[in-house]
Amino acid sequence: MKYEVVIGLEVHAQLLTESKLFCGCSTKFGSEPNTQVCQVCLGMPGVLPVLNKKAVEFAIKMALAVNCRVNNKSVFARKNYFYPDLPKGYQISQYNEPLAELGYLDIDTNGGKRIGITRIHMEEDAGKLLHGERPEDVNYSFVDLNRTGVPLIEIVSEPDMRSSDEAQAYLKALRDIVVYLEICSGNMEEGSFRCDANVSIRPVGAEKLGTKAELKNMNSFKYVKEAIEYEIERQIDLVESGGKVLQETRLFDASKGVTASMRSKEEAHDYRYFPEPDLLPLLVEDALVEKLRGELPELPQQKRDRFIKEYGIPPYDAGVLTSSKELAHYYEAVVRATNEPKVSSNWVMGELLRLLKEDSRDVKDCPVKPDSIASLIQMVKGGEISGKMAKEVFEEMYKTGKGPKEVVQSKGMAQISNEDELSKIIDNVISGNPENLARYKAGRVQLFGFFVGETMKATKGQANPQVINKLLKEKLDGK
């Protein structure tokens, strides 16, 4: 590789407060357009903003979770620009004096890497433009101001990422944290968690950063990775052909998998920041910071490390099982009932997540409770049903919400383990296949599988495989 890739991310997370950052309007998503607005978030003359305390606490929790220094004093500023979805003509944000600075987040790619976090600041969201959403509106654009004033935090990273994989891992790790903290839904499709990527290249060994392009309009982890990879190739091809990378903002077209220029540096706004005159500086006492630090839950990386150490499961399993707090709680409830960490992991990661994915359901809405899946695991361990039968039972449990014993009883699926009963069945199978018996005796030992299959067929799949193998071995080798 002749070039080194340099990537920094600016991540916006909508905070899960019930009301907006500077007024009492609802933040509920999906309401009728322009129904959740008031004089304050619409910027009417003579109104004054009042800061949402809960939003400040949420922002501080995020800062602590990513090892930032929370500043005792931060200042809100007016970021001036005109856009149809910004009725005031300015956005209240933070600039020179943000809420938090100098943090970091460790990611797992390439043996582990630390990504620096420059700052976390608070700001209000803008509205949303709708362009020809319906066929009859193809020539029109509409403005929905419900989102105006919804509280945001912006998390700005250092340019420490060197690949699309690292950027994706960092973004996923941030999302896991905000969801664990219960301060943001993390829904990229709804826009409650979104990011812009600054991408540049430079010759390997160079210290000076290359000219960056800012990528927007990426509403999934997949699209973030695809957009960055396309942009890297575009910049390398441009430089190799004698061209120069321009500092510009580019939009990602997911349908084509390409980025396209939106505006150049020459067209960029001068935001003319100045302190917001209607808001006093935000003063945060150390006592509040320590109180909120004590309220932090076990975070995703801490939980992954504990699962690996305490339950002895592979790092991959731990990563999957801690991808959401609810899934981690579900798994631990199963383990407490079974004392079988790896078997429990296999069932939760395999059958449970497969069916949830097929139904597009979350684990908190799962019809199979942890104690039911634990009972199923114990039934397999005790020889009441086979592993294959257990998967059928589980699907029925998932469909009906019934317990495993109820399903087994109603469908007559109990495993046959009684040796006397199975011995008679095996005798009939052997006597009914004299030619294959003779071949087996003559050395065709692979026919053992034939007799196993015939016995399973005779018992409609309900025979205990271990008992069948034991009895067949005795009878075939003893005759």
Protein backbone atom coordinates (compact mmCIF):
# COMPACT_ATOMS: atom_id res chain seq x y z
CA MET A 1 0.00 0.00 0.00
CA LYS A 2 1.45 3.36 -1.06
CA TYR A 3 -1.17 5.32 0.86
CA GLU A 4 -2.35 5.48 4.44
CA VAL A 5 -6.04 6.12 5.07
CA VAL A 6 -7.01 8.61 7.76
CA ILE A 7 -10.58 8.65 9.08
CA GLY A 8 -12.36 10.64 11.76
CA LEU A 9 -16.06 10.38 12.64
CA GLU A 10 -18.52 12.99 13.87
CA VAL A 11 -21.41 11.12 15.48
CA HIS A 12 -24.75 12.65 16.43
CA ALA A 13 -26.98 10.89 18.98
CA GLN A 14 -30.51 12.06 19.79
CA LEU A 15 -31.08 11.93 23.55
CA LEU A 16 -34.08 9.99 24.86
CA THR A 17 -35.61 12.81 26.85
CA GLU A 18 -39.37 13.25 26.82
CA SER A 19 -39.11 16.92 25.94
CA LYS A 20 -36.84 19.01 23.71
CA LEU A 21 -33.58 20.67 24.70
CA PHE A 22 -34.92 24.19 25.34
CA CYS A 23 -38.71 23.79 25.53
CA GLY A 24 -41.44 21.41 26.70
CA CYS A 25 -42.43 19.99 23.29
CA SER A 26 -42.56 16.22 22.91
CA THR A 27 -39.68 14.38 21.23
CA LYS A 28 -41.83 11.39 20.20
CA PHE A 29 -40.87 10.04 16.78
CA GLY A 30 -43.42 9.51 14.00
CA SER A 31 -46.08 12.07 14.91
CA GLU A 32 -47.95 14.07 12.27
CA PRO A 33 -45.67 16.74 10.74
CA ASN A 34 -45.42 20.07 12.57
CA THR A 35 -47.58 18.98 15.53
CA GLN A 36 -44.79 18.97 18.16
CA VAL A 37 -43.68 22.58 17.97
CA CYS A 38 -44.06 25.76 20.01
CA GLN A 39 -42.93 29.38 19.97
CA VAL A 40 -39.54 28.46 21.45
CA CYS A 41 -38.45 25.76 19.01
CA LEU A 42 -39.93 27.77 16.13
CA GLY A 43 -37.81 30.77 17.13
CA MET A 44 -40.64 33.28 17.60
CA PRO A 45 -39.65 36.80 18.78
CA GLY A 46 -39.53 37.40 22.52
CA VAL A 47 -39.27 33.77 23.69
CA LEU A 48 -36.46 32.39 25.86
CA PRO A 49 -34.88 28.91 25.90
CA VAL A 50 -34.72 26.92 29.16
CA LEU A 51 -32.12 24.12 29.32
CA ASN A 52 -33.33 20.54 29.83
CA LYS A 53 -31.57 19.15 32.94
CA LYS A 54 -32.14 15.51 31.97
CA ALA A 55 -30.41 16.10 28.63
CA VAL A 56 -27.37 17.48 30.46
CA GLU A 57 -27.25 14.41 32.72
CA PHE A 58 -27.49 12.07 29.71
CA ALA A 59 -24.65 13.90 27.98
CA ILE A 60 -22.46 13.69 31.10
CA LYS A 61 -23.10 9.93 31.36
CA MET A 62 -21.94 9.46 27.78
CA ALA A 63 -18.86 11.55 28.45
CA LEU A 64 -17.96 9.41 31.45
CA ALA A 65 -18.60 6.18 29.54
CA VAL A 66 -15.97 7.15 26.94
CA ASN A 67 -13.44 8.44 29.47
CA CYS A 68 -13.87 12.16 28.76
CA ARG A 69 -13.08 15.01 31.09
CA VAL A 70 -16.32 16.77 31.99
CA ASN A 71 -15.70 20.51 32.09
CA ASN A 72 -17.03 22.43 35.05
CA LYS A 73 -17.99 25.25 32.70
CA SER A 74 -19.32 25.01 29.15
CA VAL A 75 -20.95 27.65 26.97
CA PHE A 76 -23.77 27.48 24.43
CA ALA A 77 -23.28 29.40 21.21
CA ARG A 78 -25.32 30.46 18.21
CA LYS A 79 -24.26 28.72 15.00
CA ASN A 80 -25.64 30.97 12.29
CA TYR A 81 -26.81 29.63 8.95
CA PHE A 82 -29.98 29.74 6.90
CA TYR A 83 -31.77 26.55 5.90
CA PRO A 84 -35.49 25.84 5.39
CA ASP A 85 -35.60 23.38 8.33
CA LEU A 86 -33.98 25.85 10.76
CA PRO A 87 -36.67 28.49 11.45
CA LYS A 88 -34.57 30.60 13.85
CA GLY A 89 -31.79 31.08 11.30
CA TYR A 90 -29.30 29.74 13.85
CA GLN A 91 -28.71 26.55 15.82
CA ILE A 92 -27.92 26.57 19.53
CA SER A 93 -24.80 24.46 19.92
CA GLN A 94 -21.47 24.50 21.79
CA TYR A 95 -18.23 25.61 20.18
CA ASN A 96 -15.11 26.86 21.98
CA GLU A 97 -16.13 25.57 25.40
CA PRO A 98 -17.82 22.14 25.04
CA LEU A 99 -19.27 19.99 27.81
CA ALA A 100 -16.55 17.32 27.65
CA GLU A 101 -13.15 16.70 26.05
CA LEU A 102 -10.14 14.39 25.75
CA GLY A 103 -11.70 10.92 25.95
CA TYR A 104 -11.08 7.61 24.21
CA LEU A 105 -12.76 4.38 23.22
CA ASP A 106 -11.04 1.02 22.74
CA ILE A 107 -12.15 -1.14 19.80
CA ASP A 108 -11.45 -4.82 19.16
CA THR A 109 -10.26 -4.81 15.54
CA ASN A 110 -6.67 -5.80 14.69
CA GLY A 111 -5.91 -6.95 18.20
CA GLY A 112 -7.37 -3.84 19.82
CA LYS A 113 -6.92 -0.13 19.18
CA ARG A 114 -7.60 3.07 21.11
CA ILE A 115 -9.54 5.80 19.29
CA GLY A 116 -9.22 9.28 20.73
CA ILE A 117 -12.32 11.40 21.32
CA THR A 118 -11.71 15.12 20.87
CA ARG A 119 -14.92 16.43 22.37
CA ILE A 120 -18.58 15.85 23.18
CA HIS A 121 -20.86 18.85 22.95
CA MET A 122 -24.59 19.44 23.21
CA GLU A 123 -26.80 21.03 20.58
CA GLU A 124 -30.35 21.12 19.29
CA ASP A 125 -31.40 19.20 16.18
CA ALA A 126 -32.77 20.86 13.05
CA GLY A 127 -36.01 19.92 11.30
CA LYS A 128 -36.37 17.57 8.35
CA LEU A 129 -36.94 18.21 4.66
CA LEU A 130 -39.12 15.79 2.70
CA HIS A 131 -38.50 15.72 -1.05
CA GLY A 132 -41.23 14.16 -3.22
CA GLU A 133 -42.07 11.33 -0.82
CA ARG A 134 -45.29 10.64 -2.77
CA PRO A 135 -45.60 10.43 -6.57
CA GLU A 136 -47.94 13.44 -6.63
CA ASP A 137 -45.38 15.49 -4.68
CA VAL A 138 -42.45 14.88 -7.02
CA ASN A 139 -42.09 18.60 -7.74
CA TYR A 140 -42.37 19.73 -4.12
CA SER A 141 -40.37 19.76 -0.91
CA PHE A 142 -41.94 19.90 2.54
CA VAL A 143 -40.61 20.92 5.93
CA ASP A 144 -41.39 18.96 9.12
CA LEU A 145 -40.25 20.89 12.19
CA ASN A 146 -41.13 18.25 14.80
CA ARG A 147 -37.44 17.34 15.14
CA THR A 148 -36.39 20.98 15.62
CA GLY A 149 -34.98 21.40 19.12
CA VAL A 150 -34.62 17.69 19.93
CA PRO A 151 -31.51 17.32 22.14
CA LEU A 152 -28.35 15.99 20.51
CA ILE A 153 -24.84 15.18 21.56
CA GLU A 154 -22.11 15.30 18.97
CA ILE A 155 -19.15 12.98 19.57
CA VAL A 156 -16.09 14.06 17.59
CA SER A 157 -13.25 11.55 17.24
CA GLU A 158 -9.58 12.12 16.56
CA PRO A 159 -8.46 11.09 13.04
CA ASP A 160 -7.21 7.78 14.46
CA MET A 161 -8.98 5.24 12.24
CA ARG A 162 -7.09 3.68 9.34
CA SER A 163 -9.71 1.54 7.62
CA SER A 164 -13.43 1.21 7.04
CA ASP A 165 -13.43 -1.79 9.39
CA GLU A 166 -12.02 0.33 12.22
CA ALA A 167 -14.55 3.09 11.54
CA GLN A 168 -17.40 0.58 11.55
CA ALA A 169 -16.15 -1.05 14.78
CA TYR A 170 -15.84 2.35 16.48
CA LEU A 171 -19.32 3.38 15.38
CA LYS A 172 -20.84 0.09 16.57
CA ALA A 173 -19.06 0.42 19.92
CA LEU A 174 -20.44 3.94 20.37
CA ARG A 175 -23.94 2.78 19.49
CA ASP A 176 -23.72 -0.10 21.98
CA ILE A 177 -22.77 2.35 24.71
CA VAL A 178 -25.58 4.87 24.11
CA VAL A 179 -28.10 2.01 24.02
CA TYR A 180 -26.69 0.43 27.22
CA LEU A 181 -26.88 3.82 28.92
CA GLU A 182 -30.51 4.12 27.72
CA ILE A 183 -29.84 7.68 26.55
CA CYS A 184 -30.44 7.06 22.80
CA SER A 185 -32.38 4.48 20.79
CA GLY A 186 -29.43 3.99 18.43
CA ASN A 187 -31.80 3.73 15.46
CA MET A 188 -29.85 4.83 12.39
CA GLU A 189 -32.78 4.45 9.98
CA GLU A 190 -34.87 6.92 12.02
CA GLY A 191 -31.90 9.28 12.27
CA SER A 192 -31.59 9.14 16.05
CA PHE A 193 -28.00 7.90 15.64
CA ARG A 194 -26.08 9.16 12.62
CA CYS A 195 -22.57 10.00 11.59
CA ASP A 196 -20.45 11.98 9.15
CA ALA A 197 -17.06 10.61 8.13
CA ASN A 198 -13.98 12.70 7.31
CA VAL A 199 -11.80 10.66 4.94
CA SER A 200 -8.37 11.46 3.51
CA ILE A 201 -5.28 9.67 2.23
CA ARG A 202 -1.57 10.42 2.52
CA PRO A 203 1.65 8.69 1.43
CA VAL A 204 2.73 6.00 3.88
CA GLY A 205 5.14 7.56 6.38
CA ALA A 206 3.90 11.12 5.87
CA GLU A 207 2.94 13.14 8.93
CA LYS A 208 0.92 15.87 7.27
CA LEU A 209 -2.76 15.03 6.83
CA GLY A 210 -4.17 14.88 3.33
CA THR A 211 -7.13 16.93 2.09
CA LYS A 212 -10.30 15.45 3.53
CA ALA A 213 -13.75 14.85 2.13
CA GLU A 214 -16.73 14.82 4.48
CA LEU A 215 -19.23 12.02 3.81
CA LYS A 216 -22.91 12.36 4.74
CA ASN A 217 -26.18 10.46 4.29
CA MET A 218 -25.08 7.11 5.73
CA ASN A 219 -27.92 5.55 7.72
CA SER A 220 -26.57 2.06 8.43
CA PHE A 221 -23.31 0.44 9.47
CA LYS A 222 -23.18 -1.25 6.08
CA TYR A 223 -23.50 2.05 4.23
CA VAL A 224 -20.84 3.70 6.42
CA LYS A 225 -18.39 0.96 5.44
CA GLU A 226 -19.35 1.06 1.76
CA ALA A 227 -19.17 4.86 1.55
CA ILE A 228 -15.72 5.00 3.15
CA GLU A 229 -14.37 2.21 0.95
CA TYR A 230 -15.66 3.92 -2.19
CA GLU A 231 -14.20 7.25 -1.11
CA ILE A 232 -10.79 5.71 -0.39
CA GLU A 233 -10.66 4.19 -3.88
CA ARG A 234 -11.90 7.44 -5.45
CA GLN A 235 -9.20 9.51 -3.79
CA ILE A 236 -6.41 7.05 -4.63
CA ASP A 237 -7.51 6.87 -8.28
CA LEU A 238 -7.71 10.68 -8.40
CA VAL A 239 -4.19 11.16 -7.02
CA GLU A 240 -2.72 8.37 -9.16
CA SER A 241 -4.12 10.00 -12.30
CA GLY A 242 -2.49 13.34 -11.44
CA GLY A 243 -5.53 15.03 -9.89
CA LYS A 244 -6.01 16.70 -6.51
CA VAL A 245 -8.48 15.82 -3.77
CA LEU A 246 -10.76 18.77 -3.02
CA GLN A 247 -12.02 19.58 0.45
CA GLU A 248 -15.75 19.11 0.02
CA THR A 249 -18.89 17.57 1.41
CA ARG A 250 -20.07 14.47 -0.44
CA LEU A 251 -23.35 12.54 -0.20
CA PHE A 252 -23.47 8.75 -0.34
CA ASP A 253 -25.89 7.26 -2.88
CA ALA A 254 -26.71 3.84 -1.41
CA SER A 255 -28.49 2.62 -4.57
CA LYS A 256 -25.36 3.15 -6.67
CA GLY A 257 -22.75 2.64 -3.95
CA VAL A 258 -20.98 5.93 -4.80
CA THR A 259 -20.36 9.33 -3.24
CA ALA A 260 -21.20 12.54 -5.10
CA SER A 261 -20.16 16.12 -4.45
CA MET A 262 -22.66 18.22 -2.48
CA ARG A 263 -20.70 21.42 -1.89
CA SER A 264 -17.05 22.50 -2.06
CA LYS A 265 -14.98 24.29 0.55
CA GLU A 266 -15.56 27.57 -1.30
CA GLU A 267 -19.29 27.15 -0.71
CA ALA A 268 -18.96 26.22 2.97
CA HIS A 269 -20.70 28.49 5.48
CA ASP A 270 -19.02 30.87 7.87
CA TYR A 271 -21.11 30.02 10.91
CA ARG A 272 -20.16 33.21 12.85
CA TYR A 273 -20.35 31.54 16.26
CA PHE A 274 -20.97 33.80 19.24
CA PRO A 275 -22.14 33.02 22.82
CA GLU A 276 -25.90 32.46 23.09
CA PRO A 277 -27.09 35.62 24.89
CA ASP A 278 -30.26 34.00 26.26
CA LEU A 279 -28.44 31.17 28.11
CA LEU A 280 -26.03 31.46 31.03
CA PRO A 281 -22.84 29.36 30.97
CA LEU A 282 -23.54 25.75 32.01
CA LEU A 283 -21.83 25.05 35.36
CA VAL A 284 -21.44 21.39 36.30
CA GLU A 285 -20.36 20.57 39.84
CA ASP A 286 -18.00 17.69 40.56
CA ALA A 287 -20.59 16.22 42.95
CA LEU A 288 -23.06 15.79 40.09
CA VAL A 289 -20.42 14.17 37.90
CA GLU A 290 -19.55 11.65 40.62
CA LYS A 291 -23.22 10.95 41.31
CA LEU A 292 -23.80 10.17 37.62
CA ARG A 293 -20.61 8.10 37.48
CA GLY A 294 -22.07 5.92 40.21
CA GLU A 295 -25.22 5.38 38.13
CA LEU A 296 -23.37 4.01 35.09
CA PRO A 297 -24.33 0.41 34.27
CA GLU A 298 -21.88 -2.31 33.34
CA LEU A 299 -20.86 -1.19 29.85
CA PRO A 300 -20.61 -3.49 26.79
CA GLN A 301 -16.83 -4.03 26.86
CA GLN A 302 -16.85 -4.66 30.61
CA LYS A 303 -19.67 -7.16 30.17
CA ARG A 304 -17.87 -8.92 27.28
CA ASP A 305 -14.70 -9.26 29.34
CA ARG A 306 -16.68 -10.64 32.30
CA PHE A 307 -18.56 -13.17 30.15
CA ILE A 308 -15.29 -14.51 28.75
CA LYS A 309 -13.70 -14.76 32.20
CA GLU A 310 -16.71 -15.87 34.26
CA TYR A 311 -18.41 -18.21 31.80
CA GLY A 312 -15.42 -19.39 29.77
CA ILE A 313 -17.15 -18.73 26.44
CA PRO A 314 -15.25 -17.63 23.30
CA PRO A 315 -14.82 -13.90 22.58
CA TYR A 316 -17.09 -14.23 19.54
CA ASP A 317 -19.93 -15.61 21.69
CA ALA A 318 -19.40 -12.88 24.27
CA GLY A 319 -19.56 -10.23 21.55
CA VAL A 320 -22.85 -11.51 20.16
CA LEU A 321 -24.46 -12.04 23.57
CA THR A 322 -23.60 -8.54 24.80
CA SER A 323 -24.75 -6.78 21.61
CA SER A 324 -27.76 -5.60 23.61
CA LYS A 325 -28.38 -5.33 27.32
CA GLU A 326 -31.61 -7.33 27.04
CA LEU A 327 -29.91 -10.21 25.23
CA ALA A 328 -27.13 -10.31 27.81
CA HIS A 329 -29.70 -10.44 30.63
CA TYR A 330 -31.59 -13.22 28.83
CA TYR A 331 -28.43 -15.30 28.42
CA GLU A 332 -27.40 -14.87 32.04
CA ALA A 333 -30.86 -15.94 33.21
CA VAL A 334 -30.52 -19.15 31.16
CA VAL A 335 -27.03 -19.82 32.56
CA ARG A 336 -28.19 -19.33 36.14
CA ALA A 337 -30.85 -21.99 35.62
CA THR A 338 -28.64 -24.50 33.74
CA ASN A 339 -25.09 -23.89 34.92
CA GLU A 340 -24.17 -24.71 31.31
CA PRO A 341 -22.58 -21.52 29.86
CA LYS A 342 -21.53 -22.85 26.44
CA VAL A 343 -24.65 -24.95 25.83
CA SER A 344 -26.78 -21.96 26.82
CA SER A 345 -24.75 -19.75 24.49
CA ASN A 346 -25.30 -22.16 21.59
CA TRP A 347 -29.07 -22.19 22.08
CA VAL A 348 -29.43 -18.43 22.55
CA MET A 349 -27.11 -17.53 19.65
CA GLY A 350 -28.43 -20.28 17.40
CA GLU A 351 -32.11 -21.17 17.58
CA LEU A 352 -33.32 -18.14 19.54
CA LEU A 353 -31.62 -15.43 17.47
CA ARG A 354 -32.47 -17.23 14.23
CA LEU A 355 -36.20 -17.17 14.94
CA LEU A 356 -36.10 -13.61 16.27
CA LYS A 357 -34.32 -12.46 13.12
CA GLU A 358 -36.86 -14.22 10.88
CA ASP A 359 -39.67 -12.37 12.71
CA SER A 360 -37.78 -9.06 13.03
CA ARG A 361 -38.41 -9.21 16.77
CA ASP A 362 -36.36 -7.99 19.69
CA VAL A 363 -35.38 -10.35 22.48
CA LYS A 364 -37.48 -8.36 24.95
CA ASP A 365 -40.54 -9.42 22.93
CA CYS A 366 -39.49 -13.08 22.77
CA PRO A 367 -42.33 -15.51 23.61
CA VAL A 368 -39.86 -18.06 25.03
CA LYS A 369 -38.80 -17.09 28.55
CA PRO A 370 -35.28 -17.89 29.85
CA ASP A 371 -36.58 -20.51 32.31
CA SER A 372 -38.34 -22.34 29.44
CA ILE A 373 -35.21 -22.58 27.30
CA ALA A 374 -33.30 -23.66 30.43
CA SER A 375 -35.85 -26.45 31.01
CA LEU A 376 -35.43 -27.58 27.41
CA ILE A 377 -31.66 -27.75 27.81
CA GLN A 378 -32.09 -29.81 30.99
CA MET A 379 -34.46 -32.21 29.20
CA VAL A 380 -31.83 -32.85 26.52
CA LYS A 381 -29.16 -33.32 29.16
CA GLY A 382 -31.38 -35.76 31.06
CA GLY A 383 -32.09 -37.84 27.95
CA GLU A 384 -35.82 -37.04 27.87
CA ILE A 385 -35.54 -35.78 24.27
CA SER A 386 -32.78 -35.76 21.67
CA GLY A 387 -30.99 -32.65 20.45
CA LYS A 388 -32.74 -32.91 17.09
CA MET A 389 -36.15 -33.24 18.74
CA ALA A 390 -35.32 -30.31 21.00
CA LYS A 391 -35.04 -27.99 18.00
CA GLU A 392 -38.53 -29.02 16.88
CA VAL A 393 -39.82 -28.52 20.41
CA PHE A 394 -38.21 -25.09 20.59
CA GLU A 395 -39.88 -23.93 17.36
CA GLU A 396 -43.24 -24.98 18.80
CA MET A 397 -42.44 -23.19 22.05
CA TYR A 398 -41.62 -20.06 20.06
CA LYS A 399 -44.86 -20.24 18.07
CA THR A 400 -47.17 -21.01 20.98
CA GLY A 401 -45.45 -19.71 24.11
CA LYS A 402 -45.87 -23.15 25.73
CA GLY A 403 -43.26 -24.77 27.99
CA PRO A 404 -41.09 -27.64 26.70
CA LYS A 405 -42.73 -30.37 28.78
CA GLU A 406 -46.18 -29.31 27.60
CA VAL A 407 -45.06 -29.38 23.95
CA VAL A 408 -43.37 -32.79 24.31
CA GLN A 409 -46.42 -34.28 26.00
CA SER A 410 -48.95 -32.84 23.53
CA LYS A 411 -46.98 -34.07 20.52
CA GLY A 412 -45.89 -37.40 21.98
CA MET A 413 -42.25 -36.58 21.43
CA ALA A 414 -40.74 -38.06 24.58
CA GLN A 415 -37.47 -39.84 23.88
CA ILE A 416 -37.43 -43.61 24.35
CA SER A 417 -34.54 -44.59 26.58
CA ASN A 418 -35.89 -47.81 28.09
CA GLU A 419 -33.40 -50.53 27.12
CA ASP A 420 -35.92 -53.40 27.24
CA GLU A 421 -38.29 -51.57 24.91
CA LEU A 422 -35.52 -50.58 22.50
CA SER A 423 -33.97 -54.05 22.60
CA LYS A 424 -37.17 -55.60 21.20
CA ILE A 425 -37.35 -53.00 18.43
CA ILE A 426 -33.69 -53.58 17.52
CA ASP A 427 -34.22 -57.35 17.41
CA ASN A 428 -37.04 -56.84 14.90
CA VAL A 429 -34.85 -54.51 12.78
CA ILE A 430 -31.98 -57.00 12.71
CA SER A 431 -34.18 -60.04 11.97
CA GLY A 432 -35.92 -58.10 9.21
CA ASN A 433 -32.63 -57.36 7.41
CA PRO A 434 -30.72 -60.70 7.19
CA GLU A 435 -28.79 -59.72 4.05
CA ASN A 436 -27.39 -56.51 5.56
CA LEU A 437 -26.63 -58.40 8.76
CA ALA A 438 -24.55 -60.88 6.73
CA ARG A 439 -22.73 -58.04 4.95
CA TYR A 440 -22.00 -56.37 8.29
CA LYS A 441 -20.60 -59.63 9.66
CA ALA A 442 -18.47 -59.92 6.51
CA GLY A 443 -16.76 -56.62 7.29
CA ARG A 444 -19.09 -53.95 5.87
CA VAL A 445 -19.01 -52.08 9.20
CA GLN A 446 -20.39 -48.91 7.59
CA LEU A 447 -23.77 -50.70 7.59
CA PHE A 448 -23.93 -49.94 11.30
CA GLY A 449 -25.41 -46.58 10.29
CA PHE A 450 -28.11 -48.39 8.31
CA PHE A 451 -29.27 -50.27 11.42
CA VAL A 452 -29.23 -47.04 13.46
CA GLY A 453 -31.37 -45.34 10.81
CA GLU A 454 -33.86 -48.24 10.63
CA THR A 455 -34.21 -48.24 14.40
CA MET A 456 -34.81 -44.49 14.46
CA LYS A 457 -37.38 -44.92 11.70
CA ALA A 458 -39.14 -47.66 13.68
CA THR A 459 -39.34 -45.37 16.71
CA LYS A 460 -40.35 -42.31 14.66
CA GLY A 461 -37.12 -40.59 15.69
CA GLN A 462 -37.85 -40.87 19.39
CA ALA A 463 -35.20 -43.41 20.37
CA ASN A 464 -32.26 -42.26 22.47
CA PRO A 465 -29.29 -42.38 20.04
CA GLN A 466 -26.78 -43.25 22.75
CA VAL A 467 -28.85 -46.21 23.93
CA ILE A 468 -29.41 -47.38 20.31
CA ASN A 469 -25.70 -47.29 19.57
CA LYS A 470 -24.87 -49.21 22.74
CA LEU A 471 -27.49 -51.94 22.15
CA LEU A 472 -26.76 -52.33 18.43
CA LYS A 473 -23.06 -52.66 19.14
CA GLU A 474 -23.74 -55.42 21.62
CA LYS A 475 -26.20 -57.26 19.40
CA LEU A 476 -24.42 -56.94 16.02
CA ASP A 477 -20.97 -57.74 17.32
CA GLY A 478 -22.24 -60.49 19.61
CA LYS A 479 -24.25 -62.48 17.02
